[in-house]
N, C-alpha and C. Protein backbone atom coordinates (compact mmCIF):
# COMPACT_ATOMS: atom_id res chain seq x y z
N MET A 1 133.58 23.28 245.73
CA MET A 1 134.41 24.43 245.39
C MET A 1 135.22 24.13 244.13
N GLU A 2 135.69 22.90 244.01
CA GLU A 2 136.48 22.52 242.84
C GLU A 2 135.64 22.63 241.57
N LYS A 3 134.36 22.30 241.66
CA LYS A 3 133.44 22.38 240.52
C LYS A 3 133.30 23.82 240.06
N ALA A 4 133.23 24.77 240.98
CA ALA A 4 133.12 26.18 240.64
C ALA A 4 134.38 26.67 239.93
N ASN A 5 135.54 26.25 240.41
CA ASN A 5 136.80 26.62 239.76
C ASN A 5 136.89 26.03 238.36
N GLU A 6 136.39 24.81 238.22
CA GLU A 6 136.41 24.14 236.91
C GLU A 6 135.52 24.89 235.92
N CYS A 7 134.33 25.30 236.35
CA CYS A 7 133.42 26.06 235.49
C CYS A 7 134.03 27.41 235.13
N SER A 8 134.64 28.05 236.10
CA SER A 8 135.26 29.34 235.85
C SER A 8 136.39 29.21 234.83
N SER A 9 137.19 28.17 234.94
CA SER A 9 138.28 27.93 234.00
C SER A 9 137.73 27.67 232.61
N ASN A 10 136.67 26.88 232.52
CA ASN A 10 136.04 26.60 231.23
C ASN A 10 135.48 27.88 230.62
N ASP A 11 134.85 28.69 231.44
CA ASP A 11 134.29 29.94 230.96
C ASP A 11 135.38 30.86 230.43
N LEU A 12 136.50 30.93 231.14
CA LEU A 12 137.61 31.77 230.71
C LEU A 12 138.21 31.25 229.40
N LEU A 13 138.32 29.94 229.30
CA LEU A 13 138.85 29.34 228.08
C LEU A 13 137.93 29.63 226.90
N LEU A 14 136.64 29.45 227.09
CA LEU A 14 135.68 29.74 226.02
C LEU A 14 135.70 31.20 225.62
N GLU A 15 135.80 32.08 226.61
CA GLU A 15 135.86 33.51 226.32
C GLU A 15 137.12 33.85 225.52
N HIS A 16 138.23 33.26 225.92
CA HIS A 16 139.49 33.48 225.20
C HIS A 16 139.40 32.99 223.75
N GLU A 17 138.84 31.80 223.57
CA GLU A 17 138.69 31.25 222.22
C GLU A 17 137.76 32.11 221.38
N ALA A 18 136.69 32.60 221.98
CA ALA A 18 135.76 33.47 221.26
C ALA A 18 136.44 34.77 220.82
N GLN A 19 137.28 35.31 221.69
CA GLN A 19 138.01 36.54 221.35
C GLN A 19 139.00 36.27 220.22
N MET A 20 139.64 35.13 220.25
CA MET A 20 140.59 34.78 219.19
C MET A 20 139.88 34.64 217.85
N VAL A 21 138.77 33.94 217.84
CA VAL A 21 137.99 33.75 216.61
C VAL A 21 137.51 35.10 216.10
N SER A 22 137.03 35.94 216.99
CA SER A 22 136.57 37.27 216.60
C SER A 22 137.70 38.08 215.98
N GLY A 23 138.88 38.01 216.57
CA GLY A 23 140.04 38.71 216.04
C GLY A 23 140.43 38.21 214.65
N ILE A 24 140.38 36.91 214.47
CA ILE A 24 140.70 36.33 213.17
C ILE A 24 139.68 36.76 212.12
N LEU A 25 138.41 36.75 212.47
CA LEU A 25 137.37 37.17 211.54
C LEU A 25 137.51 38.65 211.18
N ASP A 26 137.85 39.47 212.16
CA ASP A 26 138.08 40.90 211.89
C ASP A 26 139.25 41.09 210.93
N SER A 27 140.32 40.36 211.16
CA SER A 27 141.49 40.45 210.29
C SER A 27 141.14 40.03 208.86
N LYS A 28 140.42 38.92 208.73
CA LYS A 28 140.03 38.44 207.41
C LYS A 28 139.18 39.48 206.70
N GLU A 29 138.30 40.12 207.43
CA GLU A 29 137.44 41.14 206.82
C GLU A 29 138.29 42.32 206.31
N ARG A 30 139.26 42.74 207.09
CA ARG A 30 140.15 43.83 206.67
C ARG A 30 140.97 43.42 205.46
N TYR A 31 141.50 42.19 205.46
CA TYR A 31 142.28 41.70 204.33
C TYR A 31 141.43 41.65 203.06
N ARG A 32 140.20 41.20 203.20
CA ARG A 32 139.31 41.13 202.03
C ARG A 32 139.05 42.51 201.46
N LYS A 33 138.91 43.52 202.32
CA LYS A 33 138.71 44.89 201.83
C LYS A 33 139.94 45.36 201.05
N ILE A 34 141.12 45.05 201.56
CA ILE A 34 142.36 45.42 200.88
C ILE A 34 142.45 44.71 199.53
N ILE A 35 142.14 43.43 199.52
CA ILE A 35 142.21 42.66 198.28
C ILE A 35 141.20 43.17 197.27
N LYS A 36 139.98 43.45 197.71
CA LYS A 36 138.97 43.98 196.80
C LYS A 36 139.41 45.31 196.20
N ALA A 37 140.01 46.16 197.02
CA ALA A 37 140.52 47.44 196.52
C ALA A 37 141.64 47.20 195.51
N GLY A 38 142.50 46.23 195.80
CA GLY A 38 143.59 45.90 194.87
C GLY A 38 143.06 45.38 193.55
N ILE A 39 142.05 44.53 193.59
CA ILE A 39 141.44 44.01 192.37
C ILE A 39 140.79 45.15 191.58
N ALA A 40 140.07 46.01 192.27
CA ALA A 40 139.43 47.15 191.59
C ALA A 40 140.47 48.05 190.93
N GLN A 41 141.57 48.30 191.62
CA GLN A 41 142.63 49.14 191.05
C GLN A 41 143.28 48.44 189.86
N TRP A 42 143.47 47.14 189.97
CA TRP A 42 144.06 46.39 188.87
C TRP A 42 143.18 46.49 187.63
N VAL A 43 141.87 46.29 187.81
CA VAL A 43 140.92 46.36 186.69
C VAL A 43 140.94 47.76 186.09
N LYS A 44 140.93 48.78 186.94
CA LYS A 44 140.96 50.17 186.46
C LYS A 44 142.23 50.43 185.65
N ASP A 45 143.38 50.01 186.18
CA ASP A 45 144.64 50.20 185.48
C ASP A 45 144.67 49.42 184.16
N PHE A 46 144.09 48.23 184.16
CA PHE A 46 144.02 47.43 182.94
C PHE A 46 143.16 48.14 181.90
N GLN A 47 142.01 48.65 182.34
CA GLN A 47 141.11 49.34 181.42
C GLN A 47 141.74 50.61 180.86
N ASN A 48 142.58 51.26 181.65
CA ASN A 48 143.25 52.48 181.21
C ASN A 48 144.53 52.21 180.43
N GLY A 49 144.85 50.95 180.21
CA GLY A 49 146.02 50.59 179.42
C GLY A 49 147.32 50.63 180.19
N LYS A 50 147.25 50.84 181.50
CA LYS A 50 148.48 50.87 182.30
C LYS A 50 149.03 49.47 182.55
N ILE A 51 148.18 48.47 182.45
CA ILE A 51 148.59 47.09 182.68
C ILE A 51 148.34 46.30 181.40
N LYS A 52 149.32 45.56 181.02
CA LYS A 52 149.21 44.71 179.83
C LYS A 52 148.91 43.29 180.27
N ILE A 53 148.44 42.50 179.35
CA ILE A 53 148.05 41.13 179.64
C ILE A 53 149.17 40.33 180.29
N THR A 54 150.41 40.70 180.09
CA THR A 54 151.53 39.95 180.67
C THR A 54 151.57 40.03 182.19
N THR A 55 150.78 40.91 182.80
CA THR A 55 150.79 41.04 184.25
C THR A 55 149.55 40.44 184.91
N VAL A 56 148.87 39.59 184.21
CA VAL A 56 147.65 38.98 184.75
C VAL A 56 147.94 38.18 186.01
N ASP A 57 149.16 37.74 186.19
CA ASP A 57 149.53 36.94 187.36
C ASP A 57 149.23 37.68 188.67
N ASP A 58 149.42 39.00 188.67
CA ASP A 58 149.10 39.78 189.88
C ASP A 58 147.62 39.67 190.22
N LEU A 59 146.76 39.81 189.22
CA LEU A 59 145.32 39.69 189.44
C LEU A 59 144.98 38.27 189.90
N LYS A 60 145.60 37.28 189.28
CA LYS A 60 145.36 35.88 189.66
C LYS A 60 145.69 35.66 191.13
N LYS A 61 146.81 36.21 191.57
CA LYS A 61 147.21 36.05 192.97
C LYS A 61 146.20 36.72 193.91
N LEU A 62 145.75 37.91 193.55
CA LEU A 62 144.75 38.60 194.37
C LEU A 62 143.46 37.79 194.47
N ILE A 63 143.03 37.26 193.35
CA ILE A 63 141.79 36.47 193.32
C ILE A 63 141.96 35.20 194.15
N GLU A 64 143.11 34.54 194.02
CA GLU A 64 143.35 33.31 194.80
C GLU A 64 143.32 33.58 196.30
N VAL A 65 143.92 34.68 196.73
CA VAL A 65 143.91 35.02 198.15
C VAL A 65 142.49 35.34 198.60
N ASP A 66 141.75 36.08 197.77
CA ASP A 66 140.37 36.41 198.11
C ASP A 66 139.54 35.14 198.25
N LEU A 67 139.69 34.20 197.34
CA LEU A 67 138.95 32.94 197.41
C LEU A 67 139.34 32.14 198.65
N GLU A 68 140.62 32.14 198.98
CA GLU A 68 141.09 31.43 200.17
C GLU A 68 140.45 32.01 201.43
N LEU A 69 140.37 33.33 201.49
CA LEU A 69 139.76 33.97 202.65
C LEU A 69 138.26 33.70 202.73
N GLN A 70 137.63 33.47 201.59
CA GLN A 70 136.18 33.22 201.57
C GLN A 70 135.82 31.79 201.92
N LYS A 71 136.77 30.86 201.86
CA LYS A 71 136.47 29.44 202.10
C LYS A 71 135.70 29.21 203.39
N ASP A 72 136.09 29.88 204.46
CA ASP A 72 135.45 29.67 205.75
C ASP A 72 134.08 30.34 205.82
N ASP A 73 133.78 31.22 204.87
CA ASP A 73 132.51 31.95 204.89
C ASP A 73 131.36 31.10 204.35
N LEU A 74 131.68 30.00 203.66
CA LEU A 74 130.64 29.18 203.04
C LEU A 74 129.98 28.28 204.03
C-alpha cells in the first residue's frame, strides 16, 4: 500500500512540475509576442522619423530581453 501512495505522490509531483513548466513556456511565448510587436513599432517609428538615433537604447533593451527569452529555446 505504501508503494502505491509513493507512486501517486510522484505522479502528482510530476504533473505539478509539468503544469508549471507549461505555464512558464506560455508566459515566455506571450512576452516574446509583446517584445516582437514593440520592436516592430520601434522600427516603424524610426523609419517615420519619430525616433532619433539617441533612443536606440530602447531597441537594445527590447532585443536583449528577446534574446534572453530565446536562450532556453536553443
